[in-house]
Protein backbone atom coordinates (compact mmCIF):
# COMPACT_ATOMS: atom_id res chain seq x y z
CA UNK A 1 11.11 5.95 -15.79
CA UNK A 2 10.21 6.84 -11.75
CA UNK A 3 6.90 5.41 -10.38
CA UNK A 4 5.20 6.73 -7.48
CA UNK A 5 2.86 5.65 -5.36
CA UNK A 6 0.50 7.45 -2.98
CA UNK A 7 -1.02 6.40 0.49
CA UNK A 8 -3.07 8.03 3.01
CA UNK A 9 -2.29 8.34 6.60
CA UNK A 10 -3.98 10.02 9.38
CA UNK A 11 -1.86 12.04 11.87
CA UNK A 12 -3.12 13.39 15.28
CA UNK A 13 -1.28 16.56 17.89
CA UNK A 14 -2.43 17.92 20.66
CA UNK A 15 -0.36 21.19 19.74
CA UNK A 16 -1.83 21.91 16.41
CA UNK A 17 -2.30 21.12 12.68
CA UNK A 18 1.78 21.96 11.92
CA UNK A 19 2.82 19.37 14.38
CA UNK A 20 0.18 16.50 13.14
CA UNK A 21 1.45 16.91 9.88
CA UNK A 22 5.29 17.39 11.41
CA UNK A 23 4.36 13.98 13.44
CA UNK A 24 2.61 12.07 10.34
CA UNK A 25 5.72 12.87 7.80
CA UNK A 26 8.30 11.32 10.23
CA UNK A 27 6.30 8.39 11.50
CA UNK A 28 5.74 7.55 7.54
CA UNK A 29 8.83 7.94 7.24
CA UNK A 30 9.78 4.93 9.55
CA UNK A 31 8.46 2.88 7.16
CA UNK A 32 7.89 4.64 3.74
CA UNK A 33 11.12 5.02 1.64
CA UNK A 34 11.88 7.92 -0.71
CA UNK A 35 8.96 10.30 0.40
CA UNK A 36 8.57 13.16 -2.23
CA UNK A 37 5.87 14.90 -1.27
CA UNK A 38 2.68 15.17 1.74
CA UNK A 39 -0.80 16.65 0.71
CA UNK A 40 -3.11 17.95 3.89
CA UNK A 41 -6.14 16.55 2.30
CA UNK A 42 -8.54 17.24 5.45
CA UNK A 43 -7.68 18.47 8.92
CA UNK A 44 -10.43 17.70 11.71
CA UNK A 45 -10.25 19.25 15.84
CA UNK A 46 -11.48 17.05 18.70
CA UNK A 47 -13.42 19.35 20.83
CA UNK A 48 -14.03 18.79 24.79
CA UNK A 49 -15.91 20.58 27.14
CA UNK A 50 -15.77 23.40 24.47
CA UNK A 51 -11.82 23.46 24.49
CA UNK A 52 -9.66 21.59 21.52
CA UNK A 53 -8.04 18.59 22.87
CA UNK A 54 -6.61 16.76 19.82
CA UNK A 55 -5.58 18.06 16.27
CA UNK A 56 -5.85 15.52 13.16
CA UNK A 57 -4.92 15.65 10.07
CA UNK A 58 -5.44 13.19 6.91
CA UNK A 59 -2.44 13.24 4.50
CA UNK A 60 -1.75 11.36 1.17
CA UNK A 61 2.05 10.81 1.31
CA UNK A 62 3.73 10.01 -2.26
CA UNK A 63 6.84 8.46 -2.51
CA UNK A 64 8.91 6.69 -5.29
CA UNK A 65 9.19 2.67 -5.84
CA UNK A 66 12.57 1.38 -6.11
CA UNK A 67 13.48 -0.59 -8.93
């Protein structure tokens, strides 16, 4: 039997939502082992002078705990 845990992280990018997700998962993988999935819980943009300056995603990352 395996046991999984879910942790929530926030990642940002100045390129787009896809890039923010990629960066978030890559960063999580540096600390967490056995990542199996990531769910985008929320998306936001930061706006300055009427232009998008940053894309932000709130991710729920699932990983399997080692025995």
